[in-house]
Amino acid sequence: MSKYLFLASYTIEGAKGIQSSGGSSRRDALAKVAENMGGTLEALYFGFGKTDVYVIMDLPGNEAAAAVAIAVNTAGAATVETVVLLTPEEIDAAAKGSSVGYRPPGS
């Protein structure tokens, strides 16, 4: 399983939906989405500012995460940005394979 952070911002319709249904109903709905994709909802938090909702899901892979993002974006009640989350061990493995032959500009 891979972890994904979804940063969502509500449209006017989405904010009205939260106002009428509440935050816990949104959490329950997103838990069902994660389950339908073969994953789990790890966390959901509401915030102030540009991002209204922070959601962390464990999903089988990028295809499942993309499917969630597409479904949210096309529903029209929110826009979502997806961030792939990496563990420290995954970064350790990437750092060990760092001889990728990259050359900075001008070198």
N, C-alpha and C. Protein backbone atom coordinates (compact mmCIF):
# COMPACT_ATOMS: atom_id res chain seq x y z
N MET A 1 0.85 -1.19 0.00
CA MET A 1 0.00 0.00 0.00
C MET A 1 0.88 1.24 0.00
N SER A 2 0.39 2.26 -0.64
CA SER A 2 1.08 3.55 -0.67
C SER A 2 0.19 4.59 0.01
N LYS A 3 0.84 5.61 0.56
CA LYS A 3 0.10 6.68 1.23
C LYS A 3 -0.01 7.89 0.31
N TYR A 4 -1.19 8.50 0.37
CA TYR A 4 -1.46 9.68 -0.44
C TYR A 4 -2.12 10.74 0.43
N LEU A 5 -1.69 11.98 0.23
CA LEU A 5 -2.30 13.13 0.88
C LEU A 5 -3.13 13.85 -0.18
N PHE A 6 -4.41 14.00 0.10
CA PHE A 6 -5.30 14.75 -0.78
C PHE A 6 -5.61 16.08 -0.10
N LEU A 7 -5.33 17.17 -0.81
CA LEU A 7 -5.63 18.51 -0.32
C LEU A 7 -6.82 19.02 -1.11
N ALA A 8 -7.94 19.22 -0.45
CA ALA A 8 -9.16 19.59 -1.16
C ALA A 8 -9.64 20.98 -0.76
N SER A 9 -10.15 21.68 -1.75
CA SER A 9 -10.77 22.99 -1.53
C SER A 9 -12.20 22.92 -2.05
N TYR A 10 -13.14 23.31 -1.21
CA TYR A 10 -14.54 23.22 -1.58
C TYR A 10 -14.98 24.34 -2.49
N THR A 11 -15.87 24.01 -3.41
CA THR A 11 -16.59 25.02 -4.17
C THR A 11 -17.75 25.50 -3.28
N ILE A 12 -18.53 26.44 -3.75
CA ILE A 12 -19.68 26.91 -2.98
C ILE A 12 -20.63 25.75 -2.70
N GLU A 13 -20.86 24.90 -3.71
CA GLU A 13 -21.75 23.75 -3.53
C GLU A 13 -21.20 22.80 -2.47
N GLY A 14 -19.90 22.56 -2.50
CA GLY A 14 -19.28 21.67 -1.52
C GLY A 14 -19.38 22.23 -0.11
N ALA A 15 -19.17 23.53 0.04
CA ALA A 15 -19.28 24.16 1.37
C ALA A 15 -20.72 24.07 1.88
N LYS A 16 -21.68 24.23 0.98
CA LYS A 16 -23.08 24.10 1.38
C LYS A 16 -23.37 22.66 1.83
N GLY A 17 -22.77 21.69 1.16
CA GLY A 17 -22.95 20.30 1.54
C GLY A 17 -22.39 20.02 2.93
N ILE A 18 -21.23 20.59 3.25
CA ILE A 18 -20.66 20.43 4.59
C ILE A 18 -21.55 21.11 5.61
N GLN A 19 -22.05 22.28 5.26
CA GLN A 19 -22.93 23.00 6.18
C GLN A 19 -24.18 22.19 6.51
N SER A 20 -24.72 21.49 5.53
CA SER A 20 -25.95 20.73 5.79
C SER A 20 -25.70 19.34 6.36
N SER A 21 -24.59 18.67 5.95
CA SER A 21 -24.36 17.29 6.37
C SER A 21 -23.33 17.14 7.49
N GLY A 22 -22.45 18.12 7.63
CA GLY A 22 -21.43 18.04 8.66
C GLY A 22 -20.16 17.34 8.21
N GLY A 23 -19.14 17.48 9.03
CA GLY A 23 -17.83 16.92 8.72
C GLY A 23 -17.73 15.42 8.89
N SER A 24 -18.43 14.87 9.88
CA SER A 24 -18.32 13.42 10.11
C SER A 24 -18.94 12.63 8.96
N SER A 25 -19.95 13.17 8.32
CA SER A 25 -20.53 12.47 7.17
C SER A 25 -19.54 12.44 6.01
N ARG A 26 -18.75 13.51 5.86
CA ARG A 26 -17.71 13.55 4.82
C ARG A 26 -16.63 12.52 5.12
N ARG A 27 -16.24 12.42 6.39
CA ARG A 27 -15.25 11.42 6.79
C ARG A 27 -15.76 10.02 6.45
N ASP A 28 -17.00 9.74 6.80
CA ASP A 28 -17.57 8.42 6.53
C ASP A 28 -17.63 8.12 5.03
N ALA A 29 -17.99 9.13 4.24
CA ALA A 29 -18.07 8.96 2.79
C ALA A 29 -16.69 8.67 2.19
N LEU A 30 -15.67 9.37 2.68
CA LEU A 30 -14.33 9.16 2.16
C LEU A 30 -13.73 7.86 2.63
N ALA A 31 -14.11 7.39 3.81
CA ALA A 31 -13.69 6.07 4.26
C ALA A 31 -14.23 5.00 3.32
N LYS A 32 -15.47 5.19 2.88
CA LYS A 32 -16.09 4.24 1.94
C LYS A 32 -15.39 4.30 0.59
N VAL A 33 -15.00 5.49 0.14
CA VAL A 33 -14.27 5.64 -1.12
C VAL A 33 -12.96 4.85 -1.04
N ALA A 34 -12.21 5.06 0.04
CA ALA A 34 -10.93 4.35 0.20
C ALA A 34 -11.15 2.84 0.20
N GLU A 35 -12.17 2.38 0.91
CA GLU A 35 -12.50 0.96 0.97
C GLU A 35 -12.84 0.42 -0.42
N ASN A 36 -13.62 1.18 -1.17
CA ASN A 36 -14.00 0.76 -2.53
C ASN A 36 -12.78 0.62 -3.44
N MET A 37 -11.73 1.38 -3.15
CA MET A 37 -10.51 1.33 -3.95
C MET A 37 -9.51 0.30 -3.42
N GLY A 38 -9.90 -0.44 -2.38
CA GLY A 38 -9.02 -1.45 -1.81
C GLY A 38 -8.07 -0.91 -0.77
N GLY A 39 -8.39 0.27 -0.21
CA GLY A 39 -7.52 0.90 0.77
C GLY A 39 -8.25 1.28 2.04
N THR A 40 -7.64 2.20 2.77
CA THR A 40 -8.23 2.68 4.02
C THR A 40 -8.02 4.18 4.15
N LEU A 41 -8.92 4.81 4.87
CA LEU A 41 -8.78 6.21 5.24
C LEU A 41 -7.98 6.26 6.52
N GLU A 42 -6.83 6.90 6.51
CA GLU A 42 -6.00 7.02 7.71
C GLU A 42 -6.40 8.23 8.54
N ALA A 43 -6.64 9.35 7.87
CA ALA A 43 -6.96 10.58 8.60
C ALA A 43 -7.69 11.55 7.71
N LEU A 44 -8.51 12.38 8.34
CA LEU A 44 -9.19 13.48 7.66
C LEU A 44 -9.25 14.64 8.65
N TYR A 45 -8.76 15.79 8.21
CA TYR A 45 -8.78 17.00 9.02
C TYR A 45 -9.29 18.15 8.18
N PHE A 46 -10.06 19.02 8.80
CA PHE A 46 -10.50 20.26 8.17
C PHE A 46 -9.54 21.36 8.61
N GLY A 47 -9.36 22.36 7.76
CA GLY A 47 -8.45 23.46 8.08
C GLY A 47 -9.01 24.78 7.59
N PHE A 48 -8.30 25.84 7.96
CA PHE A 48 -8.63 27.18 7.50
C PHE A 48 -7.73 27.53 6.33
N GLY A 49 -8.18 28.43 5.48
CA GLY A 49 -7.33 28.93 4.41
C GLY A 49 -7.67 28.33 3.06
N LYS A 50 -6.67 28.30 2.18
CA LYS A 50 -6.85 27.84 0.81
C LYS A 50 -7.29 26.38 0.75
N THR A 51 -6.77 25.56 1.63
CA THR A 51 -7.13 24.13 1.68
C THR A 51 -8.16 23.92 2.78
N ASP A 52 -9.28 23.33 2.41
CA ASP A 52 -10.36 23.09 3.38
C ASP A 52 -10.26 21.74 4.07
N VAL A 53 -9.71 20.74 3.37
CA VAL A 53 -9.68 19.37 3.90
C VAL A 53 -8.34 18.73 3.57
N TYR A 54 -7.78 18.03 4.55
CA TYR A 54 -6.55 17.26 4.41
C TYR A 54 -6.91 15.80 4.65
N VAL A 55 -6.70 14.95 3.66
CA VAL A 55 -7.09 13.55 3.74
C VAL A 55 -5.86 12.68 3.46
N ILE A 56 -5.61 11.71 4.33
CA ILE A 56 -4.55 10.74 4.09
C ILE A 56 -5.20 9.38 3.91
N MET A 57 -4.89 8.76 2.76
CA MET A 57 -5.41 7.42 2.46
C MET A 57 -4.26 6.48 2.16
N ASP A 58 -4.43 5.22 2.58
CA ASP A 58 -3.57 4.13 2.13
C ASP A 58 -4.29 3.50 0.96
N LEU A 59 -3.64 3.50 -0.21
CA LEU A 59 -4.26 2.96 -1.42
C LEU A 59 -3.30 2.02 -2.12
N PRO A 60 -3.82 1.12 -2.95
CA PRO A 60 -2.97 0.14 -3.61
C PRO A 60 -1.91 0.73 -4.54
N GLY A 61 -2.12 1.93 -5.05
CA GLY A 61 -1.12 2.52 -5.94
C GLY A 61 -1.61 3.77 -6.62
N ASN A 62 -0.81 4.26 -7.55
CA ASN A 62 -1.09 5.52 -8.23
C ASN A 62 -2.40 5.49 -9.01
N GLU A 63 -2.73 4.36 -9.60
CA GLU A 63 -3.97 4.27 -10.37
C GLU A 63 -5.18 4.50 -9.48
N ALA A 64 -5.18 3.91 -8.30
CA ALA A 64 -6.29 4.10 -7.36
C ALA A 64 -6.34 5.55 -6.88
N ALA A 65 -5.18 6.14 -6.60
CA ALA A 65 -5.13 7.53 -6.16
C ALA A 65 -5.63 8.46 -7.25
N ALA A 66 -5.24 8.20 -8.49
CA ALA A 66 -5.70 9.02 -9.61
C ALA A 66 -7.21 8.88 -9.79
N ALA A 67 -7.73 7.68 -9.61
CA ALA A 67 -9.18 7.47 -9.74
C ALA A 67 -9.94 8.28 -8.69
N VAL A 68 -9.42 8.31 -7.47
CA VAL A 68 -10.05 9.11 -6.40
C VAL A 68 -10.02 10.58 -6.78
N ALA A 69 -8.87 11.07 -7.21
CA ALA A 69 -8.74 12.49 -7.56
C ALA A 69 -9.65 12.86 -8.72
N ILE A 70 -9.72 12.01 -9.72
CA ILE A 70 -10.60 12.28 -10.87
C ILE A 70 -12.05 12.33 -10.43
N ALA A 71 -12.45 11.37 -9.60
CA ALA A 71 -13.84 11.34 -9.13
C ALA A 71 -14.20 12.60 -8.35
N VAL A 72 -13.29 13.04 -7.48
CA VAL A 72 -13.55 14.25 -6.69
C VAL A 72 -13.61 15.47 -7.60
N ASN A 73 -12.62 15.61 -8.47
CA ASN A 73 -12.56 16.80 -9.33
C ASN A 73 -13.74 16.89 -10.29
N THR A 74 -14.20 15.78 -10.81
CA THR A 74 -15.30 15.82 -11.78
C THR A 74 -16.66 15.94 -11.12
N ALA A 75 -16.75 15.68 -9.81
CA ALA A 75 -18.04 15.82 -9.12
C ALA A 75 -18.43 17.28 -8.95
N GLY A 76 -17.46 18.19 -8.95
CA GLY A 76 -17.76 19.62 -8.92
C GLY A 76 -17.92 20.26 -7.56
N ALA A 77 -17.85 19.50 -6.47
CA ALA A 77 -18.02 20.08 -5.14
C ALA A 77 -16.69 20.46 -4.50
N ALA A 78 -15.59 20.02 -5.10
CA ALA A 78 -14.27 20.33 -4.57
C ALA A 78 -13.23 20.15 -5.67
N THR A 79 -12.10 20.78 -5.49
CA THR A 79 -10.93 20.49 -6.32
C THR A 79 -9.90 19.86 -5.41
N VAL A 80 -9.14 18.93 -5.96
CA VAL A 80 -8.20 18.19 -5.12
C VAL A 80 -6.81 18.17 -5.75
N GLU A 81 -5.81 18.26 -4.90
CA GLU A 81 -4.42 18.09 -5.28
C GLU A 81 -3.94 16.83 -4.57
N THR A 82 -3.20 15.99 -5.26
CA THR A 82 -2.75 14.72 -4.71
C THR A 82 -1.24 14.75 -4.50
N VAL A 83 -0.79 14.34 -3.32
CA VAL A 83 0.63 14.27 -2.99
C VAL A 83 0.95 12.83 -2.62
N VAL A 84 1.95 12.24 -3.29
CA VAL A 84 2.42 10.91 -2.93
C VAL A 84 3.32 11.08 -1.71
N LEU A 85 3.03 10.32 -0.65
CA LEU A 85 3.83 10.40 0.57
C LEU A 85 4.82 9.24 0.60
N LEU A 86 6.07 9.54 0.92
CA LEU A 86 7.13 8.54 0.96
C LEU A 86 7.62 8.36 2.39
N THR A 87 7.93 7.13 2.74
CA THR A 87 8.48 6.85 4.07
C THR A 87 9.96 7.20 4.10
N PRO A 88 10.53 7.37 5.29
CA PRO A 88 11.98 7.59 5.38
C PRO A 88 12.77 6.45 4.73
N GLU A 89 12.28 5.23 4.85
CA GLU A 89 12.98 4.09 4.24
C GLU A 89 12.96 4.15 2.72
N GLU A 90 11.87 4.63 2.15
CA GLU A 90 11.82 4.79 0.70
C GLU A 90 12.81 5.84 0.23
N ILE A 91 12.96 6.90 1.00
CA ILE A 91 13.95 7.93 0.66
C ILE A 91 15.36 7.38 0.81
N ASP A 92 15.60 6.56 1.85
CA ASP A 92 16.90 5.91 2.02
C ASP A 92 17.25 5.10 0.78
N ALA A 93 16.30 4.30 0.30
CA ALA A 93 16.53 3.47 -0.88
C ALA A 93 16.79 4.33 -2.11
N ALA A 94 16.04 5.42 -2.25
CA ALA A 94 16.25 6.33 -3.39
C ALA A 94 17.62 6.98 -3.32
N ALA A 95 18.05 7.37 -2.13
CA ALA A 95 19.35 8.02 -1.97
C ALA A 95 20.49 7.08 -2.33
N LYS A 96 20.32 5.80 -2.02
CA LYS A 96 21.36 4.81 -2.35
C LYS A 96 21.47 4.62 -3.85
N GLY A 97 20.41 4.84 -4.57
CA GLY A 97 20.44 4.72 -6.03
C GLY A 97 20.63 6.06 -6.69
N SER A 98 21.36 6.95 -6.04
CA SER A 98 21.44 8.33 -6.52
C SER A 98 22.40 8.53 -7.69
N SER A 99 23.08 7.51 -8.18
CA SER A 99 23.97 7.70 -9.33
C SER A 99 23.16 7.58 -10.62
N VAL A 100 22.29 8.53 -10.82
CA VAL A 100 21.40 8.52 -11.98
C VAL A 100 22.00 9.24 -13.19
N GLY A 101 23.21 9.81 -13.00
CA GLY A 101 23.87 10.48 -14.10
C GLY A 101 23.39 11.91 -14.35
N TYR A 102 22.76 12.51 -13.35
CA TYR A 102 22.29 13.88 -13.52
C TYR A 102 23.46 14.85 -13.49
N ARG A 103 23.41 15.85 -14.35
CA ARG A 103 24.41 16.90 -14.42
C ARG A 103 23.71 18.23 -14.29
N PRO A 104 24.09 19.08 -13.32
CA PRO A 104 23.44 20.40 -13.19
C PRO A 104 23.71 21.27 -14.41
N PRO A 105 22.82 22.21 -14.67
CA PRO A 105 23.03 23.13 -15.79
C PRO A 105 24.37 23.86 -15.64
N GLY A 106 25.08 23.99 -16.75
CA GLY A 106 26.34 24.72 -16.75
C GLY A 106 27.53 23.88 -16.35
N SER A 107 27.35 22.61 -16.07
CA SER A 107 28.51 21.79 -15.66
C SER A 107 28.96 20.90 -16.79
